[in-house]
PDB file of all heavy atoms in Angstrom:
ATOM      1  N   SER A   1      17.805   4.357  -3.213  1.00  0.00           N
ATOM      2  CA  SER A   1      16.642   3.488  -3.204  1.00  0.00           C
ATOM      3  C   SER A   1      17.014   2.074  -3.671  1.00  0.00           C
ATOM      4  O   SER A   1      16.545   1.079  -3.107  1.00  0.00           O
ATOM      5  CB  SER A   1      15.525   4.056  -4.099  1.00  0.00           C
ATOM      6  OG  SER A   1      15.946   4.154  -5.451  1.00  0.00           O
ATOM      7  N   HIS A   2      17.847   1.989  -4.703  1.00  0.00           N
ATOM      8  CA  HIS A   2      18.278   0.686  -5.204  1.00  0.00           C
ATOM      9  C   HIS A   2      18.924  -0.117  -4.092  1.00  0.00           C
ATOM     10  O   HIS A   2      18.655  -1.309  -3.897  1.00  0.00           O
ATOM     11  CB  HIS A   2      19.264   0.906  -6.362  1.00  0.00           C
ATOM     12  CG  HIS A   2      19.699  -0.348  -7.042  1.00  0.00           C
ATOM     13  ND1 HIS A   2      19.531  -0.556  -8.385  1.00  0.00           N
ATOM     14  CD2 HIS A   2      20.360  -1.440  -6.590  1.00  0.00           C
ATOM     15  CE1 HIS A   2      20.018  -1.724  -8.726  1.00  0.00           C
ATOM     16  NE2 HIS A   2      20.533  -2.291  -7.646  1.00  0.00           N
ATOM     17  N   SER A   3      19.804   0.543  -3.325  1.00  0.00           N
ATOM     18  CA  SER A   3      20.543  -0.152  -2.274  1.00  0.00           C
ATOM     19  C   SER A   3      19.672  -0.551  -1.110  1.00  0.00           C
ATOM     20  O   SER A   3      19.834  -1.647  -0.552  1.00  0.00           O
ATOM     21  CB  SER A   3      21.684   0.777  -1.785  1.00  0.00           C
ATOM     22  OG  SER A   3      22.551   1.121  -2.860  1.00  0.00           O
ATOM     23  N   ILE A   4      18.750   0.320  -0.708  1.00  0.00           N
ATOM     24  CA  ILE A   4      17.823  -0.033   0.360  1.00  0.00           C
ATOM     25  C   ILE A   4      16.967  -1.226  -0.064  1.00  0.00           C
ATOM     26  O   ILE A   4      16.781  -2.188   0.701  1.00  0.00           O
ATOM     27  CB  ILE A   4      16.957   1.166   0.762  1.00  0.00           C
ATOM     28  CG1 ILE A   4      17.826   2.224   1.488  1.00  0.00           C
ATOM     29  CG2 ILE A   4      15.808   0.726   1.682  1.00  0.00           C
ATOM     30  CD1 ILE A   4      17.068   3.492   1.845  1.00  0.00           C
ATOM     31  N   ALA A   5      16.431  -1.175  -1.256  1.00  0.00           N
ATOM     32  CA  ALA A   5      15.614  -2.280  -1.737  1.00  0.00           C
ATOM     33  C   ALA A   5      16.397  -3.583  -1.767  1.00  0.00           C
ATOM     34  O   ALA A   5      15.923  -4.620  -1.285  1.00  0.00           O
ATOM     35  CB  ALA A   5      15.067  -1.944  -3.135  1.00  0.00           C
ATOM     36  N   ALA A   6      17.640  -3.523  -2.286  1.00  0.00           N
ATOM     37  CA  ALA A   6      18.464  -4.727  -2.371  1.00  0.00           C
ATOM     38  C   ALA A   6      18.746  -5.304  -0.990  1.00  0.00           C
ATOM     39  O   ALA A   6      18.729  -6.529  -0.781  1.00  0.00           O
ATOM     40  CB  ALA A   6      19.755  -4.417  -3.088  1.00  0.00           C
ATOM     41  N   SER A   7      19.020  -4.423  -0.015  1.00  0.00           N
ATOM     42  CA  SER A   7      19.342  -4.903   1.339  1.00  0.00           C
ATOM     43  C   SER A   7      18.148  -5.574   1.993  1.00  0.00           C
ATOM     44  O   SER A   7      18.328  -6.350   2.943  1.00  0.00           O
ATOM     45  CB  SER A   7      19.828  -3.736   2.203  1.00  0.00           C
ATOM     46  OG  SER A   7      18.768  -2.846   2.532  1.00  0.00           O
ATOM     47  N   ARG A   8      16.946  -5.296   1.495  1.00  0.00           N
ATOM     48  CA  ARG A   8      15.733  -5.906   2.058  1.00  0.00           C
ATOM     49  C   ARG A   8      15.145  -6.974   1.131  1.00  0.00           C
ATOM     50  O   ARG A   8      14.049  -7.450   1.366  1.00  0.00           O
ATOM     51  CB  ARG A   8      14.699  -4.816   2.323  1.00  0.00           C
ATOM     52  CG  ARG A   8      15.080  -3.938   3.524  1.00  0.00           C
ATOM     53  CD  ARG A   8      14.108  -2.775   3.729  1.00  0.00           C
ATOM     54  NE  ARG A   8      14.398  -2.110   4.986  1.00  0.00           N
ATOM     55  CZ  ARG A   8      13.604  -2.127   6.043  1.00  0.00           C
ATOM     56  NH1 ARG A   8      12.471  -2.812   6.021  1.00  0.00           N
ATOM     57  NH2 ARG A   8      13.924  -1.480   7.154  1.00  0.00           N
ATOM     58  N   GLY A   9      15.876  -7.323   0.089  1.00  0.00           N
ATOM     59  CA  GLY A   9      15.473  -8.438  -0.746  1.00  0.00           C
ATOM     60  C   GLY A   9      14.542  -8.112  -1.895  1.00  0.00           C
ATOM     61  O   GLY A   9      13.910  -8.996  -2.469  1.00  0.00           O
ATOM     62  N   TYR A  10      14.481  -6.842  -2.282  1.00  0.00           N
ATOM     63  CA  TYR A  10      13.608  -6.410  -3.375  1.00  0.00           C
ATOM     64  C   TYR A  10      14.411  -5.997  -4.589  1.00  0.00           C
ATOM     65  O   TYR A  10      15.510  -5.431  -4.458  1.00  0.00           O
ATOM     66  CB  TYR A  10      12.726  -5.230  -2.941  1.00  0.00           C
ATOM     67  CG  TYR A  10      11.787  -5.511  -1.806  1.00  0.00           C
ATOM     68  CD1 TYR A  10      12.115  -5.148  -0.503  1.00  0.00           C
ATOM     69  CD2 TYR A  10      10.553  -6.113  -2.040  1.00  0.00           C
ATOM     70  CE1 TYR A  10      11.249  -5.405   0.544  1.00  0.00           C
ATOM     71  CE2 TYR A  10       9.668  -6.358  -0.972  1.00  0.00           C
ATOM     72  CZ  TYR A  10      10.030  -5.993   0.303  1.00  0.00           C
ATOM     73  OH  TYR A  10       9.168  -6.228   1.357  1.00  0.00           O
ATOM     74  N   GLU A  11      13.834  -6.188  -5.757  1.00  0.00           N
ATOM     75  CA  GLU A  11      14.398  -5.617  -6.978  1.00  0.00           C
ATOM     76  C   GLU A  11      14.132  -4.117  -6.996  1.00  0.00           C
ATOM     77  O   GLU A  11      13.133  -3.635  -6.420  1.00  0.00           O
ATOM     78  CB  GLU A  11      13.768  -6.264  -8.211  1.00  0.00           C
ATOM     79  CG  GLU A  11      14.136  -7.727  -8.402  1.00  0.00           C
ATOM     80  CD  GLU A  11      15.591  -7.919  -8.736  1.00  0.00           C
ATOM     81  OE1 GLU A  11      16.169  -7.082  -9.467  1.00  0.00           O
ATOM     82  OE2 GLU A  11      16.166  -8.919  -8.267  1.00  0.00           O
ATOM     83  N   ASP A  12      14.999  -3.365  -7.651  1.00  0.00           N
ATOM     84  CA  ASP A  12      14.791  -1.945  -7.804  1.00  0.00           C
ATOM     85  C   ASP A  12      13.559  -1.670  -8.659  1.00  0.00           C
ATOM     86  O   ASP A  12      13.102  -2.555  -9.384  1.00  0.00           O
ATOM     87  CB  ASP A  12      16.033  -1.307  -8.458  1.00  0.00           C
ATOM     88  CG  ASP A  12      16.026   0.212  -8.418  1.00  0.00           C
ATOM     89  OD1 ASP A  12      15.439   0.790  -7.495  1.00  0.00           O
ATOM     90  OD2 ASP A  12      16.625   0.808  -9.336  1.00  0.00           O
ATOM     91  N   GLY A  13      13.005  -0.493  -8.567  1.00  0.00           N
ATOM     92  CA  GLY A  13      11.870  -0.126  -9.421  1.00  0.00           C
ATOM     93  C   GLY A  13      10.550  -0.086  -8.696  1.00  0.00           C
ATOM     94  O   GLY A  13       9.522  -0.556  -9.213  1.00  0.00           O
ATOM     95  N   GLU A  14      10.560   0.434  -7.472  1.00  0.00           N
ATOM     96  CA  GLU A  14       9.339   0.598  -6.658  1.00  0.00           C
ATOM     97  C   GLU A  14       8.690  -0.737  -6.275  1.00  0.00           C
ATOM     98  O   GLU A  14       7.480  -0.828  -6.097  1.00  0.00           O
ATOM     99  CB  GLU A  14       8.325   1.522  -7.339  1.00  0.00           C
ATOM    100  CG  GLU A  14       8.887   2.914  -7.595  1.00  0.00           C
ATOM    101  CD  GLU A  14       7.830   3.933  -7.995  1.00  0.00           C
ATOM    102  OE1 GLU A  14       6.660   3.585  -8.129  1.00  0.00           O
ATOM    103  OE2 GLU A  14       8.221   5.113  -8.159  1.00  0.00           O
ATOM    104  N   ASN A  15       9.501  -1.779  -6.161  1.00  0.00           N
ATOM    105  CA  ASN A  15       9.008  -3.074  -5.677  1.00  0.00           C
ATOM    106  C   ASN A  15       8.956  -3.138  -4.155  1.00  0.00           C
ATOM    107  O   ASN A  15       8.167  -3.906  -3.607  1.00  0.00           O
ATOM    108  CB  ASN A  15       9.874  -4.206  -6.238  1.00  0.00           C
ATOM    109  CG  ASN A  15       9.668  -4.426  -7.709  1.00  0.00           C
ATOM    110  OD1 ASN A  15       8.580  -4.806  -8.142  1.00  0.00           O
ATOM    111  ND2 ASN A  15      10.697  -4.154  -8.509  1.00  0.00           N
ATOM    112  N   ILE A  16       9.786  -2.361  -3.501  1.00  0.00           N
ATOM    113  CA  ILE A  16       9.748  -2.317  -2.041  1.00  0.00           C
ATOM    114  C   ILE A  16       8.497  -1.524  -1.607  1.00  0.00           C
ATOM    115  O   ILE A  16       8.198  -0.481  -2.185  1.00  0.00           O
ATOM    116  CB  ILE A  16      11.033  -1.654  -1.488  1.00  0.00           C
ATOM    117  CG1 ILE A  16      11.039  -1.677   0.042  1.00  0.00           C
ATOM    118  CG2 ILE A  16      11.210  -0.225  -2.004  1.00  0.00           C
ATOM    119  CD1 ILE A  16      12.364  -1.233   0.647  1.00  0.00           C
ATOM    120  N   PRO A  17       7.759  -1.993  -0.610  1.00  0.00           N
ATOM    121  CA  PRO A  17       6.619  -1.208  -0.118  1.00  0.00           C
ATOM    122  C   PRO A  17       7.086   0.150   0.406  1.00  0.00           C
ATOM    123  O   PRO A  17       8.142   0.251   1.055  1.00  0.00           O
ATOM    124  CB  PRO A  17       6.037  -2.075   0.996  1.00  0.00           C
ATOM    125  CG  PRO A  17       6.476  -3.467   0.650  1.00  0.00           C
ATOM    126  CD  PRO A  17       7.833  -3.317   0.034  1.00  0.00           C
ATOM    127  N   VAL A  18       6.297   1.157   0.144  1.00  0.00           N
ATOM    128  CA  VAL A  18       6.715   2.524   0.504  1.00  0.00           C
ATOM    129  C   VAL A  18       6.985   2.642   2.001  1.00  0.00           C
ATOM    130  O   VAL A  18       7.903   3.357   2.409  1.00  0.00           O
ATOM    131  CB  VAL A  18       5.676   3.554   0.012  1.00  0.00           C
ATOM    132  CG1 VAL A  18       4.331   3.339   0.693  1.00  0.00           C
ATOM    133  CG2 VAL A  18       6.191   4.967   0.249  1.00  0.00           C
ATOM    134  N   ASP A  19       6.195   1.987   2.817  1.00  0.00           N
ATOM    135  CA  ASP A  19       6.385   2.109   4.267  1.00  0.00           C
ATOM    136  C   ASP A  19       7.699   1.491   4.710  1.00  0.00           C
ATOM    137  O   ASP A  19       8.329   1.978   5.673  1.00  0.00           O
ATOM    138  CB  ASP A  19       5.220   1.480   5.036  1.00  0.00           C
ATOM    139  CG  ASP A  19       3.928   2.318   4.911  1.00  0.00           C
ATOM    140  OD1 ASP A  19       4.043   3.511   4.547  1.00  0.00           O
ATOM    141  OD2 ASP A  19       2.844   1.769   5.170  1.00  0.00           O
ATOM    142  N   GLU A  20       8.183   0.458   4.030  1.00  0.00           N
ATOM    143  CA  GLU A  20       9.499  -0.090   4.339  1.00  0.00           C
ATOM    144  C   GLU A  20      10.597   0.900   3.973  1.00  0.00           C
ATOM    145  O   GLU A  20      11.572   1.066   4.699  1.00  0.00           O
ATOM    146  CB  GLU A  20       9.717  -1.418   3.616  1.00  0.00           C
ATOM    147  CG  GLU A  20       9.030  -2.620   4.252  1.00  0.00           C
ATOM    148  CD  GLU A  20       9.599  -3.918   3.751  1.00  0.00           C
ATOM    149  OE1 GLU A  20      10.840  -4.100   3.738  1.00  0.00           O
ATOM    150  OE2 GLU A  20       8.787  -4.794   3.379  1.00  0.00           O
ATOM    151  N   MET A  21      10.420   1.534   2.818  1.00  0.00           N
ATOM    152  CA  MET A  21      11.419   2.535   2.401  1.00  0.00           C
ATOM    153  C   MET A  21      11.454   3.694   3.388  1.00  0.00           C
ATOM    154  O   MET A  21      12.544   4.141   3.808  1.00  0.00           O
ATOM    155  CB  MET A  21      11.086   3.030   0.996  1.00  0.00           C
ATOM    156  CG  MET A  21      12.072   4.044   0.455  1.00  0.00           C
ATOM    157  SD  MET A  21      13.731   3.394   0.224  1.00  0.00           S
ATOM    158  CE  MET A  21      13.478   2.425  -1.280  1.00  0.00           C
ATOM    159  N   ILE A  22      10.314   4.184   3.780  1.00  0.00           N
ATOM    160  CA  ILE A  22      10.255   5.315   4.722  1.00  0.00           C
ATOM    161  C   ILE A  22      10.822   4.919   6.075  1.00  0.00           C
ATOM    162  O   ILE A  22      11.514   5.692   6.727  1.00  0.00           O
ATOM    163  CB  ILE A  22       8.820   5.826   4.853  1.00  0.00           C
ATOM    164  CG1 ILE A  22       8.303   6.393   3.519  1.00  0.00           C
ATOM    165  CG2 ILE A  22       8.712   6.900   5.947  1.00  0.00           C
ATOM    166  CD1 ILE A  22       9.063   7.592   3.006  1.00  0.00           C
ATOM    167  N   GLU A  23      10.548   3.683   6.512  1.00  0.00           N
ATOM    168  CA  GLU A  23      11.073   3.239   7.811  1.00  0.00           C
ATOM    169  C   GLU A  23      12.600   3.208   7.799  1.00  0.00           C
ATOM    170  O   GLU A  23      13.223   3.602   8.794  1.00  0.00           O
ATOM    171  CB  GLU A  23      10.509   1.855   8.148  1.00  0.00           C
ATOM    172  CG  GLU A  23      11.131   1.195   9.379  1.00  0.00           C
ATOM    173  CD  GLU A  23      11.007   1.980  10.687  1.00  0.00           C
ATOM    174  OE1 GLU A  23      10.166   2.915  10.752  1.00  0.00           O
ATOM    175  OE2 GLU A  23      11.745   1.660  11.629  1.00  0.00           O
ATOM    176  N   GLU A  24      13.208   2.747   6.702  1.00  0.00           N
ATOM    177  CA  GLU A  24      14.661   2.743   6.654  1.00  0.00           C
ATOM    178  C   GLU A  24      15.192   4.180   6.661  1.00  0.00           C
ATOM    179  O   GLU A  24      16.213   4.488   7.313  1.00  0.00           O
ATOM    180  CB  GLU A  24      15.152   2.000   5.429  1.00  0.00           C
ATOM    181  CG  GLU A  24      16.606   1.601   5.501  1.00  0.00           C
ATOM    182  CD  GLU A  24      16.921   0.652   6.661  1.00  0.00           C
ATOM    183  OE1 GLU A  24      16.362  -0.455   6.681  1.00  0.00           O
ATOM    184  OE2 GLU A  24      17.681   1.069   7.548  1.00  0.00           O
ATOM    185  N   CYS A  25      14.510   5.079   5.977  1.00  0.00           N
ATOM    186  CA  CYS A  25      14.912   6.489   6.008  1.00  0.00           C
ATOM    187  C   CYS A  25      14.813   7.042   7.419  1.00  0.00           C
ATOM    188  O   CYS A  25      15.679   7.801   7.864  1.00  0.00           O
ATOM    189  CB  CYS A  25      14.027   7.314   5.077  1.00  0.00           C
ATOM    190  SG  CYS A  25      14.251   6.933   3.316  1.00  0.00           S
ATOM    191  N   ARG A  26      13.762   6.667   8.146  1.00  0.00           N
ATOM    192  CA  ARG A  26      13.605   7.118   9.530  1.00  0.00           C
ATOM    193  C   ARG A  26      14.796   6.692  10.389  1.00  0.00           C
ATOM    194  O   ARG A  26      15.327   7.481  11.164  1.00  0.00           O
ATOM    195  CB  ARG A  26      12.302   6.569  10.129  1.00  0.00           C
ATOM    196  CG  ARG A  26      12.031   7.070  11.563  1.00  0.00           C
ATOM    197  CD  ARG A  26      10.987   6.248  12.261  1.00  0.00           C
ATOM    198  NE  ARG A  26      11.444   4.868  12.510  1.00  0.00           N
ATOM    199  CZ  ARG A  26      12.284   4.531  13.471  1.00  0.00           C
ATOM    200  NH1 ARG A  26      12.794   5.451  14.288  1.00  0.00           N
ATOM    201  NH2 ARG A  26      12.644   3.263  13.623  1.00  0.00           N
ATOM    202  N   ARG A  27      15.199   5.447  10.236  1.00  0.00           N
ATOM    203  CA  ARG A  27      16.322   4.937  11.018  1.00  0.00           C
ATOM    204  C   ARG A  27      17.600   5.692  10.689  1.00  0.00           C
ATOM    205  O   ARG A  27      18.403   6.005  11.589  1.00  0.00           O
ATOM    206  CB  ARG A  27      16.515   3.429  10.750  1.00  0.00           C
ATOM    207  CG  ARG A  27      15.399   2.546  11.292  1.00  0.00           C
ATOM    208  CD  ARG A  27      15.566   1.102  10.813  1.00  0.00           C
ATOM    209  NE  ARG A  27      14.541   0.239  11.326  1.00  0.00           N
ATOM    210  CZ  ARG A  27      14.639  -0.450  12.464  1.00  0.00           C
ATOM    211  NH1 ARG A  27      15.719  -0.339  13.201  1.00  0.00           N
ATOM    212  NH2 ARG A  27      13.638  -1.217  12.863  1.00  0.00           N
ATOM    213  N   ILE A  28      17.798   5.970   9.431  1.00  0.00           N
ATOM    214  CA  ILE A  28      18.996   6.699   9.014  1.00  0.00           C
ATOM    215  C   ILE A  28      18.988   8.129   9.563  1.00  0.00           C
ATOM    216  O   ILE A  28      19.984   8.629  10.118  1.00  0.00           O
ATOM    217  CB  ILE A  28      19.128   6.683   7.480  1.00  0.00           C
ATOM    218  CG1 ILE A  28      19.453   5.262   7.002  1.00  0.00           C
ATOM    219  CG2 ILE A  28      20.183   7.680   7.001  1.00  0.00           C
ATOM    220  CD1 ILE A  28      19.311   5.054   5.511  1.00  0.00           C
ATOM    221  N   VAL A  29      17.855   8.800   9.447  1.00  0.00           N
ATOM    222  CA  VAL A  29      17.744  10.155   9.987  1.00  0.00           C
ATOM    223  C   VAL A  29      18.052  10.177  11.482  1.00  0.00           C
ATOM    224  O   VAL A  29      18.743  11.074  11.982  1.00  0.00           O
ATOM    225  CB  VAL A  29      16.328  10.737   9.721  1.00  0.00           C
ATOM    226  CG1 VAL A  29      16.097  12.011  10.509  1.00  0.00           C
ATOM    227  CG2 VAL A  29      16.134  10.985   8.232  1.00  0.00           C
ATOM    228  N   ALA A  30      17.514   9.200  12.205  1.00  0.00           N
ATOM    229  CA  ALA A  30      17.697   9.151  13.662  1.00  0.00           C
ATOM    230  C   ALA A  30      19.139   8.866  14.067  1.00  0.00           C
ATOM    231  O   ALA A  30      19.529   9.155  15.197  1.00  0.00           O
ATOM    232  CB  ALA A  30      16.760   8.092  14.265  1.00  0.00           C
ATOM    233  N   ALA A  31      19.926   8.317  13.119  1.00  0.00           N
ATOM    234  CA  ALA A  31      21.297   7.911  13.453  1.00  0.00           C
ATOM    235  C   ALA A  31      22.315   9.010  13.221  1.00  0.00           C
ATOM    236  O   ALA A  31      23.500   8.796  13.475  1.00  0.00           O
ATOM    237  CB  ALA A  31      21.677   6.694  12.626  1.00  0.00           C
ATOM    238  N   THR A  32      21.886  10.180  12.738  1.00  0.00           N
ATOM    239  CA  THR A  32      22.838  11.232  12.377  1.00  0.00           C
ATOM    240  C   THR A  32      22.299  12.612  12.716  1.00  0.00           C
ATOM    241  O   THR A  32      21.090  12.800  12.839  1.00  0.00           O
ATOM    242  CB  THR A  32      23.156  11.170  10.865  1.00  0.00           C
ATOM    243  OG1 THR A  32      24.112  12.176  10.519  1.00  0.00           O
ATOM    244  CG2 THR A  32      21.896  11.365  10.022  1.00  0.00           C
ATOM    245  N   SER A  33      23.189  13.558  12.845  1.00  0.00           N
ATOM    246  CA  SER A  33      22.795  14.955  13.001  1.00  0.00           C
ATOM    247  C   SER A  33      22.858  15.701  11.683  1.00  0.00           C
ATOM    248  O   SER A  33      22.514  16.894  11.611  1.00  0.00           O
ATOM    249  CB  SER A  33      23.703  15.645  14.034  1.00  0.00           C
ATOM    250  OG  SER A  33      25.073  15.624  13.596  1.00  0.00           O
ATOM    251  N   LEU A  34      23.293  15.019  10.610  1.00  0.00           N
ATOM    252  CA  LEU A  34      23.411  15.641   9.304  1.00  0.00           C
ATOM    253  C   LEU A  34      22.052  15.662   8.589  1.00  0.00           C
ATOM    254  O   LEU A  34      21.205  14.803   8.834  1.00  0.00           O
ATOM    255  CB  LEU A  34      24.423  14.893   8.446  1.00  0.00           C
ATOM    256  CG  LEU A  34      25.867  14.843   8.943  1.00  0.00           C
ATOM    257  CD1 LEU A  34      26.711  13.981   8.026  1.00  0.00           C
ATOM    258  CD2 LEU A  34      26.442  16.246   9.027  1.00  0.00           C
ATOM    259  N   PRO A  35      21.839  16.598   7.679  1.00  0.00           N
ATOM    260  CA  PRO A  35      20.623  16.563   6.881  1.00  0.00           C
ATOM    261  C   PRO A  35      20.627  15.346   5.952  1.00  0.00           C
ATOM    262  O   PRO A  35      21.670  14.968   5.433  1.00  0.00           O
ATOM    263  CB  PRO A  35      20.689  17.882   6.089  1.00  0.00           C
ATOM    264  CG  PRO A  35      22.107  18.280   6.073  1.00  0.00           C
ATOM    265  CD  PRO A  35      22.701  17.770   7.354  1.00  0.00           C
ATOM    266  N   VAL A  36      19.440  14.764   5.761  1.00  0.00           N
ATOM    267  CA  VAL A  36      19.314  13.546   4.966  1.00  0.00           C
ATOM    268  C   VAL A  36      18.353  13.792   3.808  1.00  0.00           C
ATOM    269  O   VAL A  36      17.223  14.263   4.015  1.00  0.00           O
ATOM    270  CB  VAL A  36      18.824  12.361   5.800  1.00  0.00           C
ATOM    271  CG1 VAL A  36      18.584  11.135   4.922  1.00  0.00           C
ATOM    272  CG2 VAL A  36      19.812  12.041   6.919  1.00  0.00           C
ATOM    273  N   SER A  37      18.805  13.455   2.609  1.00  0.00           N
ATOM    274  CA  SER A  37      17.950  13.448   1.425  1.00  0.00           C
ATOM    275  C   SER A  37      17.667  11.998   1.067  1.00  0.00           C
ATOM    276  O   SER A  37      18.560  11.141   1.169  1.00  0.00           O
ATOM    277  CB  SER A  37      18.668  14.143   0.249  1.00  0.00           C
ATOM    278  OG  SER A  37      17.883  14.107  -0.914  1.00  0.00           O
ATOM    279  N   ALA A  38      16.449  11.692   0.674  1.00  0.00           N
ATOM    280  CA  ALA A  38      16.050  10.324   0.385  1.00  0.00           C
ATOM    281  C   ALA A  38      15.743  10.136  -1.094  1.00  0.00           C
ATOM    282  O   ALA A  38      15.117  10.999  -1.710  1.00  0.00           O
ATOM    283  CB  ALA A  38      14.799   9.959   1.204  1.00  0.00           C
ATOM    284  N   ASP A  39      16.211   9.035  -1.634  1.00  0.00           N
ATOM    285  CA  ASP A  39      15.850   8.645  -2.993  1.00  0.00           C
ATOM    286  C   ASP A  39      14.540   7.889  -2.910  1.00  0.00           C
ATOM    287  O   ASP A  39      14.477   6.786  -2.351  1.00  0.00           O
ATOM    288  CB  ASP A  39      16.956   7.752  -3.572  1.00  0.00           C
ATOM    289  CG  ASP A  39      16.665   7.302  -4.994  1.00  0.00           C
ATOM    290  OD1 ASP A  39      15.579   7.602  -5.507  1.00  0.00           O
ATOM    291  OD2 ASP A  39      17.546   6.652  -5.576  1.00  0.00           O
ATOM    292  N   LEU A  40      13.487   8.471  -3.442  1.00  0.00           N
ATOM    293  CA  LEU A  40      12.137   7.902  -3.331  1.00  0.00           C
ATOM    294  C   LEU A  40      11.579   7.520  -4.700  1.00  0.00           C
ATOM    295  O   LEU A  40      10.355   7.573  -4.910  1.00  0.00           O
ATOM    296  CB  LEU A  40      11.234   8.897  -2.582  1.00  0.00           C
ATOM    297  CG  LEU A  40      11.676   9.156  -1.148  1.00  0.00           C
ATOM    298  CD1 LEU A  40      10.836  10.256  -0.517  1.00  0.00           C
ATOM    299  CD2 LEU A  40      11.598   7.884  -0.298  1.00  0.00           C
ATOM    300  N   GLU A  41      12.475   7.143  -5.608  1.00  0.00           N
ATOM    301  CA  GLU A  41      12.088   6.631  -6.940  1.00  0.00           C
ATOM    302  C   GLU A  41      11.083   7.580  -7.608  1.00  0.00           C
ATOM    303  O   GLU A  41      11.296   8.779  -7.655  1.00  0.00           O
ATOM    304  CB  GLU A  41      11.600   5.192  -6.821  1.00  0.00           C
ATOM    305  CG  GLU A  41      12.631   4.282  -6.172  1.00  0.00           C
ATOM    306  CD  GLU A  41      12.326   2.832  -6.306  1.00  0.00           C
ATOM    307  OE1 GLU A  41      12.386   2.299  -7.444  1.00  0.00           O
ATOM    308  OE2 GLU A  41      12.054   2.184  -5.270  1.00  0.00           O
ATOM    309  N   GLY A  42       9.939   7.065  -8.062  1.00  0.00           N
ATOM    310  CA  GLY A  42       8.946   7.901  -8.718  1.00  0.00           C
ATOM    311  C   GLY A  42       7.834   8.343  -7.796  1.00  0.00           C
ATOM    312  O   GLY A  42       6.853   8.935  -8.255  1.00  0.00           O
ATOM    313  N   GLY A  43       7.967   8.030  -6.483  1.00  0.00           N
ATOM    314  CA  GLY A  43       6.956   8.428  -5.541  1.00  0.00           C
ATOM    315  C   GLY A  43       5.988   7.356  -5.136  1.00  0.00           C
ATOM    316  O   GLY A  43       5.030   7.606  -4.406  1.00  0.00           O
TER     317      GLY A  43
END
């Protein structure tokens, strides 16, 4: 989560909007056949 937030210009600590975080997770899932676990901070 820290890295995704930083790559999009946000400080860590749930400052990134949840839909932006989920969208990046979607892109990552779509790019691989491996199982993906997401760091979703405190929810």
